[in-house]
């Protein structure tokens, strides 16, 4: 399980992919793994191959694709003249409207081949964000970077939203249960914190729900509840002036010290440290 915070002190990692770059040419291959963040890839030229949830995909010129948090993936090959962009992005930076599209299991998540105009629009967002990142960063440039990355994700979501649903338009029972659970968490995480509450609301045993969700996503029920809480907490810490105590209460915790401990366990820093780092 790879965590974004272990590789960067930012909430994202953006990199130009160029096989002529010595660092990329000499980098060691990474075995199949999961991430706690989204990965987006834009291929402007060349080719690459990747395994995502045990399905093989090939990327060619003018393609875009993404990997969801929790999906098993493995980069298996790349052409000598491959050029493009790689973006790792914390879920909290993606608006719920875009997440709903990206996480819709009925939409094909295969690589999209786009026209030159759309690829150029996407890469312009990434190029400008990359340029700002290389300059001396301030709270203003950071907000500009987040906006540019959000615009890029919005373009990706818009392209995928226009695709047809899966061939038969149906999901297996485990995926249907997982989808219903994830949607319920998004709607009720402020008032429902116990995995047992979700199992009861879905008329399932907790052991069965946990087994299905872990089989489908790689993580237990409690993980997704906590992730939704922490995601919203980060948004409130960044975008609001509410105190940690007020945020804890807003998220359904009467004991703000317990909330702070939970936040530190999941995010690797206290709420105050997170706000201080991103709201200088």
C-alpha atoms as a PDB file:
ATOM      1  CA  UNK A   1       0.000   0.000   0.000  1.00  0.00           C
ATOM      2  CA  UNK A   2       1.684   3.199  -1.189  1.00  0.00           C
ATOM      3  CA  UNK A   3       0.708   6.433   0.572  1.00  0.00           C
ATOM      4  CA  UNK A   4       1.109   9.761  -1.185  1.00  0.00           C
ATOM      5  CA  UNK A   5       2.330  11.480   1.983  1.00  0.00           C
ATOM      6  CA  UNK A   6       5.306   9.102   2.083  1.00  0.00           C
ATOM      7  CA  UNK A   7       6.568  10.415  -1.263  1.00  0.00           C
ATOM      8  CA  UNK A   8       5.782  14.125  -1.172  1.00  0.00           C
ATOM      9  CA  UNK A   9       5.046  16.898   1.304  1.00  0.00           C
ATOM     10  CA  UNK A  10       2.374  18.181  -1.073  1.00  0.00           C
ATOM     11  CA  UNK A  11      -1.092  16.785  -1.726  1.00  0.00           C
ATOM     12  CA  UNK A  12      -0.122  15.812  -5.246  1.00  0.00           C
ATOM     13  CA  UNK A  13       2.831  14.694  -7.338  1.00  0.00           C
ATOM     14  CA  UNK A  14       3.087  15.916 -10.923  1.00  0.00           C
ATOM     15  CA  UNK A  15       5.830  14.743 -13.241  1.00  0.00           C
ATOM     16  CA  UNK A  16       6.720  15.052 -16.892  1.00  0.00           C
ATOM     17  CA  UNK A  17       7.216  11.581 -18.368  1.00  0.00           C
ATOM     18  CA  UNK A  18      10.052  11.486 -20.890  1.00  0.00           C
ATOM     19  CA  UNK A  19      12.021   8.305 -21.491  1.00  0.00           C
ATOM     20  CA  UNK A  20      15.005  10.435 -22.503  1.00  0.00           C
ATOM     21  CA  UNK A  21      15.117  11.594 -18.883  1.00  0.00           C
ATOM     22  CA  UNK A  22      17.908   9.678 -17.106  1.00  0.00           C
ATOM     23  CA  UNK A  23      15.974   9.514 -13.834  1.00  0.00           C
ATOM     24  CA  UNK A  24      13.034   7.815 -15.513  1.00  0.00           C
ATOM     25  CA  UNK A  25      15.202   5.547 -17.680  1.00  0.00           C
ATOM     26  CA  UNK A  26      17.158   4.340 -14.662  1.00  0.00           C
ATOM     27  CA  UNK A  27      14.281   4.076 -12.178  1.00  0.00           C
ATOM     28  CA  UNK A  28      13.676   0.625 -10.727  1.00  0.00           C
ATOM     29  CA  UNK A  29      10.421  -1.127 -11.694  1.00  0.00           C
ATOM     30  CA  UNK A  30       7.680  -1.219  -9.051  1.00  0.00           C
ATOM     31  CA  UNK A  31       5.803  -4.460  -8.422  1.00  0.00           C
ATOM     32  CA  UNK A  32       2.005  -4.612  -8.445  1.00  0.00           C
ATOM     33  CA  UNK A  33       0.649  -2.506  -5.596  1.00  0.00           C
ATOM     34  CA  UNK A  34      -2.216  -0.309  -4.384  1.00  0.00           C
ATOM     35  CA  UNK A  35      -2.239   3.444  -3.713  1.00  0.00           C
ATOM     36  CA  UNK A  36      -4.310   5.583  -1.363  1.00  0.00           C
ATOM     37  CA  UNK A  37      -4.622   8.237  -4.080  1.00  0.00           C
ATOM     38  CA  UNK A  38      -5.708   8.700  -7.680  1.00  0.00           C
ATOM     39  CA  UNK A  39      -3.263   8.356 -10.566  1.00  0.00           C
ATOM     40  CA  UNK A  40      -3.851  10.067 -13.908  1.00  0.00           C
ATOM     41  CA  UNK A  41      -1.777   9.489 -17.030  1.00  0.00           C
ATOM     42  CA  UNK A  42      -1.726  11.405 -20.295  1.00  0.00           C
ATOM     43  CA  UNK A  43       0.286   9.923 -23.158  1.00  0.00           C
ATOM     44  CA  UNK A  44       1.194  12.457 -25.840  1.00  0.00           C
ATOM     45  CA  UNK A  45       3.538  10.200 -27.791  1.00  0.00           C
ATOM     46  CA  UNK A  46       4.731   6.584 -27.753  1.00  0.00           C
ATOM     47  CA  UNK A  47       3.233   3.645 -25.892  1.00  0.00           C
ATOM     48  CA  UNK A  48       3.065   1.977 -22.499  1.00  0.00           C
ATOM     49  CA  UNK A  49       1.394  -1.079 -20.943  1.00  0.00           C
ATOM     50  CA  UNK A  50      -0.199  -1.377 -17.529  1.00  0.00           C
ATOM     51  CA  UNK A  51      -2.088  -3.973 -15.539  1.00  0.00           C
ATOM     52  CA  UNK A  52      -5.030  -2.549 -13.560  1.00  0.00           C
ATOM     53  CA  UNK A  53      -7.049  -4.960 -11.410  1.00  0.00           C
ATOM     54  CA  UNK A  54      -5.625  -7.860 -13.423  1.00  0.00           C
ATOM     55  CA  UNK A  55      -6.719  -6.436 -16.776  1.00  0.00           C
ATOM     56  CA  UNK A  56      -4.038  -5.557 -19.336  1.00  0.00           C
ATOM     57  CA  UNK A  57      -4.246  -2.115 -20.964  1.00  0.00           C
ATOM     58  CA  UNK A  58      -2.127  -0.551 -23.673  1.00  0.00           C
ATOM     59  CA  UNK A  59      -1.709   3.192 -24.027  1.00  0.00           C
ATOM     60  CA  UNK A  60      -0.941   4.863 -27.337  1.00  0.00           C
ATOM     61  CA  UNK A  61      -0.478   8.434 -28.566  1.00  0.00           C
ATOM     62  CA  UNK A  62      -3.211  10.833 -27.380  1.00  0.00           C
ATOM     63  CA  UNK A  63      -4.627   8.611 -24.652  1.00  0.00           C
ATOM     64  CA  UNK A  64      -5.635   9.386 -21.076  1.00  0.00           C
ATOM     65  CA  UNK A  65      -6.410   7.022 -18.226  1.00  0.00           C
ATOM     66  CA  UNK A  66      -6.639   6.885 -14.448  1.00  0.00           C
ATOM     67  CA  UNK A  67      -6.276   4.447 -11.560  1.00  0.00           C
ATOM     68  CA  UNK A  68      -8.593   4.639  -8.550  1.00  0.00           C
ATOM     69  CA  UNK A  69      -7.427   4.449  -4.933  1.00  0.00           C
ATOM     70  CA  UNK A  70      -7.225   0.788  -3.955  1.00  0.00           C
ATOM     71  CA  UNK A  71      -6.896  -0.650  -7.452  1.00  0.00           C
ATOM     72  CA  UNK A  72      -4.018  -3.078  -7.955  1.00  0.00           C
ATOM     73  CA  UNK A  73      -1.763  -1.860 -10.769  1.00  0.00           C
ATOM     74  CA  UNK A  74       1.628  -2.435 -12.305  1.00  0.00           C
ATOM     75  CA  UNK A  75       3.453  -0.566 -15.096  1.00  0.00           C
ATOM     76  CA  UNK A  76       4.717  -3.336 -17.360  1.00  0.00           C
ATOM     77  CA  UNK A  77       6.443  -1.556 -20.199  1.00  0.00           C
ATOM     78  CA  UNK A  78       7.114   1.756 -21.923  1.00  0.00           C
ATOM     79  CA  UNK A  79       8.399   2.721 -25.367  1.00  0.00           C
ATOM     80  CA  UNK A  80      11.769   4.413 -25.814  1.00  0.00           C
ATOM     81  CA  UNK A  81      10.211   7.609 -27.162  1.00  0.00           C
ATOM     82  CA  UNK A  82       7.283   7.860 -24.750  1.00  0.00           C
ATOM     83  CA  UNK A  83       6.296  11.379 -23.667  1.00  0.00           C
ATOM     84  CA  UNK A  84       3.437  12.412 -21.406  1.00  0.00           C
ATOM     85  CA  UNK A  85       2.355  13.330 -17.873  1.00  0.00           C
ATOM     86  CA  UNK A  86       1.902  11.500 -14.582  1.00  0.00           C
ATOM     87  CA  UNK A  87      -0.258  12.938 -11.789  1.00  0.00           C
ATOM     88  CA  UNK A  88      -0.818  11.440  -8.333  1.00  0.00           C
ATOM     89  CA  UNK A  89      -3.613  13.299  -6.553  1.00  0.00           C
ATOM     90  CA  UNK A  90      -5.111  13.147  -3.072  1.00  0.00           C
ATOM     91  CA  UNK A  91      -8.860  12.355  -3.195  1.00  0.00           C
ATOM     92  CA  UNK A  92      -9.647  15.472  -1.169  1.00  0.00           C
ATOM     93  CA  UNK A  93      -8.591  17.673  -4.081  1.00  0.00           C
ATOM     94  CA  UNK A  94     -11.177  16.115  -6.398  1.00  0.00           C
ATOM     95  CA  UNK A  95     -14.718  17.569  -6.192  1.00  0.00           C
ATOM     96  CA  UNK A  96     -17.469  15.056  -5.439  1.00  0.00           C
ATOM     97  CA  UNK A  97     -19.069  15.773  -8.822  1.00  0.00           C
ATOM     98  CA  UNK A  98     -15.943  14.484 -10.592  1.00  0.00           C
ATOM     99  CA  UNK A  99     -15.414  11.596  -8.163  1.00  0.00           C
ATOM    100  CA  UNK A 100     -18.915  10.327  -8.891  1.00  0.00           C
ATOM    101  CA  UNK A 101     -17.985   9.948 -12.565  1.00  0.00           C
ATOM    102  CA  UNK A 102     -14.527   8.483 -12.004  1.00  0.00           C
ATOM    103  CA  UNK A 103     -15.814   5.921  -9.502  1.00  0.00           C
ATOM    104  CA  UNK A 104     -18.908   4.893 -11.482  1.00  0.00           C
ATOM    105  CA  UNK A 105     -18.343   1.156 -12.056  1.00  0.00           C
ATOM    106  CA  UNK A 106     -20.706   1.096 -15.036  1.00  0.00           C
ATOM    107  CA  UNK A 107     -18.457   3.403 -17.048  1.00  0.00           C
ATOM    108  CA  UNK A 108     -15.631   1.854 -19.003  1.00  0.00           C
ATOM    109  CA  UNK A 109     -12.326   2.795 -17.354  1.00  0.00           C
ATOM    110  CA  UNK A 110     -10.223   1.769 -20.323  1.00  0.00           C
ATOM    111  CA  UNK A 111      -7.824   4.335 -21.827  1.00  0.00           C
ATOM    112  CA  UNK A 112      -9.557   7.049 -23.826  1.00  0.00           C
ATOM    113  CA  UNK A 113      -8.129   8.117 -27.181  1.00  0.00           C
ATOM    114  CA  UNK A 114      -8.819  11.819 -27.623  1.00  0.00           C
ATOM    115  CA  UNK A 115      -8.360  14.384 -30.359  1.00  0.00           C
ATOM    116  CA  UNK A 116      -5.406  16.776 -30.419  1.00  0.00           C
ATOM    117  CA  UNK A 117      -7.498  19.692 -29.136  1.00  0.00           C
ATOM    118  CA  UNK A 118      -8.621  17.912 -25.949  1.00  0.00           C
ATOM    119  CA  UNK A 119      -5.179  16.465 -25.233  1.00  0.00           C
ATOM    120  CA  UNK A 120      -3.736  19.971 -25.658  1.00  0.00           C
ATOM    121  CA  UNK A 121      -6.302  21.429 -23.223  1.00  0.00           C
ATOM    122  CA  UNK A 122      -5.394  18.797 -20.611  1.00  0.00           C
ATOM    123  CA  UNK A 123      -1.652  19.164 -21.030  1.00  0.00           C
ATOM    124  CA  UNK A 124      -1.867  22.961 -20.857  1.00  0.00           C
ATOM    125  CA  UNK A 125      -3.402  22.651 -17.379  1.00  0.00           C
ATOM    126  CA  UNK A 126      -0.614  20.302 -16.308  1.00  0.00           C
ATOM    127  CA  UNK A 127       2.176  22.356 -17.905  1.00  0.00           C
ATOM    128  CA  UNK A 128       1.090  25.528 -16.132  1.00  0.00           C
ATOM    129  CA  UNK A 129       0.732  23.711 -12.788  1.00  0.00           C
ATOM    130  CA  UNK A 130       4.191  22.198 -13.287  1.00  0.00           C
ATOM    131  CA  UNK A 131       5.682  25.604 -14.044  1.00  0.00           C
ATOM    132  CA  UNK A 132       4.148  27.156 -10.932  1.00  0.00           C
ATOM    133  CA  UNK A 133       5.379  24.240  -8.809  1.00  0.00           C
ATOM    134  CA  UNK A 134       8.967  24.833  -9.923  1.00  0.00           C
ATOM    135  CA  UNK A 135       8.838  28.486  -8.909  1.00  0.00           C
ATOM    136  CA  UNK A 136       9.017  29.724  -5.334  1.00  0.00           C
ATOM    137  CA  UNK A 137       5.749  28.512  -3.871  1.00  0.00           C
ATOM    138  CA  UNK A 138       3.317  30.688  -1.943  1.00  0.00           C
ATOM    139  CA  UNK A 139      -0.185  30.117  -0.646  1.00  0.00           C
ATOM    140  CA  UNK A 140      -1.439  31.903  -3.783  1.00  0.00           C
ATOM    141  CA  UNK A 141       0.501  29.813  -6.295  1.00  0.00           C
ATOM    142  CA  UNK A 142      -0.501  26.648  -4.419  1.00  0.00           C
ATOM    143  CA  UNK A 143      -4.177  27.572  -4.773  1.00  0.00           C
ATOM    144  CA  UNK A 144      -3.616  28.222  -8.469  1.00  0.00           C
ATOM    145  CA  UNK A 145      -1.994  24.783  -8.821  1.00  0.00           C
ATOM    146  CA  UNK A 146      -4.927  23.090  -7.073  1.00  0.00           C
ATOM    147  CA  UNK A 147      -7.346  24.914  -9.387  1.00  0.00           C
ATOM    148  CA  UNK A 148      -5.401  23.863 -12.483  1.00  0.00           C
ATOM    149  CA  UNK A 149      -5.250  20.246 -11.360  1.00  0.00           C
ATOM    150  CA  UNK A 150      -8.970  20.366 -10.596  1.00  0.00           C
ATOM    151  CA  UNK A 151      -9.630  21.709 -14.095  1.00  0.00           C
ATOM    152  CA  UNK A 152      -7.594  18.866 -15.571  1.00  0.00           C
ATOM    153  CA  UNK A 153      -9.569  16.265 -13.599  1.00  0.00           C
ATOM    154  CA  UNK A 154     -12.805  17.943 -14.667  1.00  0.00           C
ATOM    155  CA  UNK A 155     -11.821  17.560 -18.321  1.00  0.00           C
ATOM    156  CA  UNK A 156     -11.016  13.885 -17.752  1.00  0.00           C
ATOM    157  CA  UNK A 157     -14.316  13.300 -15.949  1.00  0.00           C
ATOM    158  CA  UNK A 158     -16.211  15.065 -18.733  1.00  0.00           C
ATOM    159  CA  UNK A 159     -14.621  12.808 -21.361  1.00  0.00           C
ATOM    160  CA  UNK A 160     -15.392   9.646 -19.404  1.00  0.00           C
ATOM    161  CA  UNK A 161     -18.947  10.773 -18.627  1.00  0.00           C
ATOM    162  CA  UNK A 162     -19.593  10.849 -22.358  1.00  0.00           C
ATOM    163  CA  UNK A 163     -18.673   7.187 -22.790  1.00  0.00           C
ATOM    164  CA  UNK A 164     -21.281   4.405 -22.981  1.00  0.00           C
ATOM    165  CA  UNK A 165     -21.845   2.227 -19.930  1.00  0.00           C
ATOM    166  CA  UNK A 166     -20.483  -1.309 -19.745  1.00  0.00           C
ATOM    167  CA  UNK A 167     -21.714  -3.643 -22.484  1.00  0.00           C
ATOM    168  CA  UNK A 168     -24.449  -5.332 -20.475  1.00  0.00           C
ATOM    169  CA  UNK A 169     -25.014  -2.455 -18.062  1.00  0.00           C
ATOM    170  CA  UNK A 170     -24.948  -4.873 -15.142  1.00  0.00           C
ATOM    171  CA  UNK A 171     -22.740  -5.391 -12.093  1.00  0.00           C
ATOM    172  CA  UNK A 172     -21.962  -8.535 -10.167  1.00  0.00           C
ATOM    173  CA  UNK A 173     -23.636  -8.792  -6.768  1.00  0.00           C
ATOM    174  CA  UNK A 174     -20.387  -8.051  -4.859  1.00  0.00           C
ATOM    175  CA  UNK A 175     -19.827  -4.900  -6.919  1.00  0.00           C
ATOM    176  CA  UNK A 176     -23.449  -3.816  -6.467  1.00  0.00           C
ATOM    177  CA  UNK A 177     -23.149  -4.219  -2.699  1.00  0.00           C
ATOM    178  CA  UNK A 178     -19.851  -2.321  -2.653  1.00  0.00           C
ATOM    179  CA  UNK A 179     -21.288   0.493  -4.766  1.00  0.00           C
ATOM    180  CA  UNK A 180     -24.330   0.802  -2.496  1.00  0.00           C
ATOM    181  CA  UNK A 181     -22.066   0.829   0.567  1.00  0.00           C
ATOM    182  CA  UNK A 182     -19.710   3.484  -0.855  1.00  0.00           C
ATOM    183  CA  UNK A 183     -22.657   5.697  -1.824  1.00  0.00           C
ATOM    184  CA  UNK A 184     -24.158   5.303   1.640  1.00  0.00           C
ATOM    185  CA  UNK A 185     -20.859   6.245   3.286  1.00  0.00           C
ATOM    186  CA  UNK A 186     -20.639   9.409   1.178  1.00  0.00           C
ATOM    187  CA  UNK A 187     -24.143  10.430   2.284  1.00  0.00           C
ATOM    188  CA  UNK A 188     -24.120   9.358   5.954  1.00  0.00           C
ATOM    189  CA  UNK A 189     -20.547   9.371   7.260  1.00  0.00           C
ATOM    190  CA  UNK A 190     -21.299  12.303   9.558  1.00  0.00           C
ATOM    191  CA  UNK A 191     -23.900  10.348  11.516  1.00  0.00           C
ATOM    192  CA  UNK A 192     -22.916   6.708  10.914  1.00  0.00           C
ATOM    193  CA  UNK A 193     -19.414   5.750  12.068  1.00  0.00           C
ATOM    194  CA  UNK A 194     -19.867   2.091  12.974  1.00  0.00           C
ATOM    195  CA  UNK A 195     -19.426  -0.591  10.274  1.00  0.00           C
ATOM    196  CA  UNK A 196     -22.288  -2.439  11.958  1.00  0.00           C
ATOM    197  CA  UNK A 197     -24.652   0.475  11.289  1.00  0.00           C
ATOM    198  CA  UNK A 198     -24.024   0.178   7.543  1.00  0.00           C
ATOM    199  CA  UNK A 199     -24.460  -3.583   7.586  1.00  0.00           C
ATOM    200  CA  UNK A 200     -27.763  -3.192   9.435  1.00  0.00           C
ATOM    201  CA  UNK A 201     -28.988  -0.474   7.045  1.00  0.00           C
ATOM    202  CA  UNK A 202     -28.171  -2.745   4.101  1.00  0.00           C
ATOM    203  CA  UNK A 203     -29.795  -5.783   5.776  1.00  0.00           C
ATOM    204  CA  UNK A 204     -26.530  -7.731   5.698  1.00  0.00           C
ATOM    205  CA  UNK A 205     -24.363  -9.302   8.351  1.00  0.00           C
ATOM    206  CA  UNK A 206     -21.254  -7.287   9.187  1.00  0.00           C
ATOM    207  CA  UNK A 207     -18.966 -10.220   8.401  1.00  0.00           C
ATOM    208  CA  UNK A 208     -20.526 -10.619   4.940  1.00  0.00           C
ATOM    209  CA  UNK A 209     -20.400  -6.900   4.140  1.00  0.00           C
ATOM    210  CA  UNK A 210     -16.794  -6.702   5.300  1.00  0.00           C
ATOM    211  CA  UNK A 211     -15.859  -9.741   3.223  1.00  0.00           C
ATOM    212  CA  UNK A 212     -17.488  -8.358   0.076  1.00  0.00           C
ATOM    213  CA  UNK A 213     -16.059  -4.840   0.402  1.00  0.00           C
ATOM    214  CA  UNK A 214     -12.567  -6.147   1.135  1.00  0.00           C
ATOM    215  CA  UNK A 215     -12.752  -8.606  -1.753  1.00  0.00           C
ATOM    216  CA  UNK A 216     -13.844  -5.860  -4.163  1.00  0.00           C
ATOM    217  CA  UNK A 217     -11.668  -2.954  -3.006  1.00  0.00           C
ATOM    218  CA  UNK A 218      -8.870  -4.499  -0.979  1.00  0.00           C
ATOM    219  CA  UNK A 219      -9.877  -2.622   2.175  1.00  0.00           C
ATOM    220  CA  UNK A 220     -12.389  -3.318   4.975  1.00  0.00           C
ATOM    221  CA  UNK A 221     -15.558  -1.357   5.697  1.00  0.00           C
ATOM    222  CA  UNK A 222     -13.936   0.676   8.490  1.00  0.00           C
ATOM    223  CA  UNK A 223     -11.219   1.938   6.126  1.00  0.00           C
ATOM    224  CA  UNK A 224     -13.702   3.572   3.742  1.00  0.00           C
ATOM    225  CA  UNK A 225     -15.685   5.165   6.573  1.00  0.00           C
ATOM    226  CA  UNK A 226     -12.531   6.690   8.040  1.00  0.00           C
ATOM    227  CA  UNK A 227     -11.250   7.787   4.634  1.00  0.00           C
ATOM    228  CA  UNK A 228     -14.456   9.727   3.945  1.00  0.00           C
ATOM    229  CA  UNK A 229     -14.236  11.400   7.360  1.00  0.00           C
ATOM    230  CA  UNK A 230     -10.581  12.368   6.892  1.00  0.00           C
ATOM    231  CA  UNK A 231     -11.212  13.580   3.343  1.00  0.00           C
ATOM    232  CA  UNK A 232     -13.956  15.959   4.518  1.00  0.00           C
ATOM    233  CA  UNK A 233     -11.872  17.011   7.529  1.00  0.00           C
ATOM    234  CA  UNK A 234      -9.007  18.027   5.230  1.00  0.00           C
ATOM    235  CA  UNK A 235     -11.386  20.057   3.095  1.00  0.00           C
ATOM    236  CA  UNK A 236     -12.743  21.889   6.125  1.00  0.00           C
ATOM    237  CA  UNK A 237      -9.264  22.492   7.533  1.00  0.00           C
ATOM    238  CA  UNK A 238      -8.127  23.933   4.231  1.00  0.00           C
ATOM    239  CA  UNK A 239     -11.167  25.838   3.003  1.00  0.00           C
ATOM    240  CA  UNK A 240     -12.820  26.994   6.257  1.00  0.00           C
ATOM    241  CA  UNK A 241     -11.799  28.966   9.319  1.00  0.00           C
ATOM    242  CA  UNK A 242     -13.557  26.598  11.725  1.00  0.00           C
ATOM    243  CA  UNK A 243     -11.577  25.452  14.741  1.00  0.00           C
ATOM    244  CA  UNK A 244     -10.572  21.812  15.078  1.00  0.00           C
ATOM    245  CA  UNK A 245     -13.217  21.441  17.780  1.00  0.00           C
ATOM    246  CA  UNK A 246     -15.900  22.876  15.467  1.00  0.00           C
ATOM    247  CA  UNK A 247     -14.801  20.607  12.615  1.00  0.00           C
ATOM    248  CA  UNK A 248     -14.908  17.560  14.888  1.00  0.00           C
ATOM    249  CA  UNK A 249     -18.472  18.457  15.902  1.00  0.00           C
ATOM    250  CA  UNK A 250     -19.439  19.078  12.252  1.00  0.00           C
ATOM    251  CA  UNK A 251     -18.214  15.578  11.394  1.00  0.00           C
ATOM    252  CA  UNK A 252     -20.161  13.957  14.216  1.00  0.00           C
ATOM    253  CA  UNK A 253     -17.517  13.712  16.969  1.00  0.00           C
ATOM    254  CA  UNK A 254     -18.393  15.175  20.359  1.00  0.00           C
ATOM    255  CA  UNK A 255     -14.904  14.343  21.657  1.00  0.00           C
ATOM    256  CA  UNK A 256     -12.556  16.508  19.592  1.00  0.00           C
ATOM    257  CA  UNK A 257      -9.456  14.920  21.148  1.00  0.00           C
ATOM    258  CA  UNK A 258     -10.563  11.519  19.829  1.00  0.00           C
ATOM    259  CA  UNK A 259     -11.114  13.073  16.415  1.00  0.00           C
ATOM    260  CA  UNK A 260      -7.615  14.599  16.503  1.00  0.00           C
ATOM    261  CA  UNK A 261      -6.075  11.224  17.359  1.00  0.00           C
ATOM    262  CA  UNK A 262      -7.988   9.558  14.517  1.00  0.00           C
ATOM    263  CA  UNK A 263      -6.903  12.266  12.085  1.00  0.00           C
ATOM    264  CA  UNK A 264      -3.241  11.905  13.049  1.00  0.00           C
ATOM    265  CA  UNK A 265      -3.395   8.135  12.743  1.00  0.00           C
ATOM    266  CA  UNK A 266      -4.853   8.331   9.233  1.00  0.00           C
ATOM    267  CA  UNK A 267      -3.152  11.471   7.885  1.00  0.00           C
ATOM    268  CA  UNK A 268       0.200  11.198   9.647  1.00  0.00           C
ATOM    269  CA  UNK A 269      -0.088  14.644  11.246  1.00  0.00           C
ATOM    270  CA  UNK A 270      -2.426  16.479  13.592  1.00  0.00           C
ATOM    271  CA  UNK A 271      -5.252  18.664  12.218  1.00  0.00           C
ATOM    272  CA  UNK A 272      -3.318  21.734  13.339  1.00  0.00           C
ATOM    273  CA  UNK A 273      -0.156  20.581  11.571  1.00  0.00           C
ATOM    274  CA  UNK A 274      -2.109  19.880   8.385  1.00  0.00           C
ATOM    275  CA  UNK A 275      -3.708  23.343   8.434  1.00  0.00           C
ATOM    276  CA  UNK A 276      -0.387  24.991   9.237  1.00  0.00           C
ATOM    277  CA  UNK A 277       1.327  23.252   6.355  1.00  0.00           C
ATOM    278  CA  UNK A 278      -1.286  24.089   3.730  1.00  0.00           C
ATOM    279  CA  UNK A 279      -2.627  27.377   5.113  1.00  0.00           C
ATOM    280  CA  UNK A 280       0.628  29.192   5.843  1.00  0.00           C
END
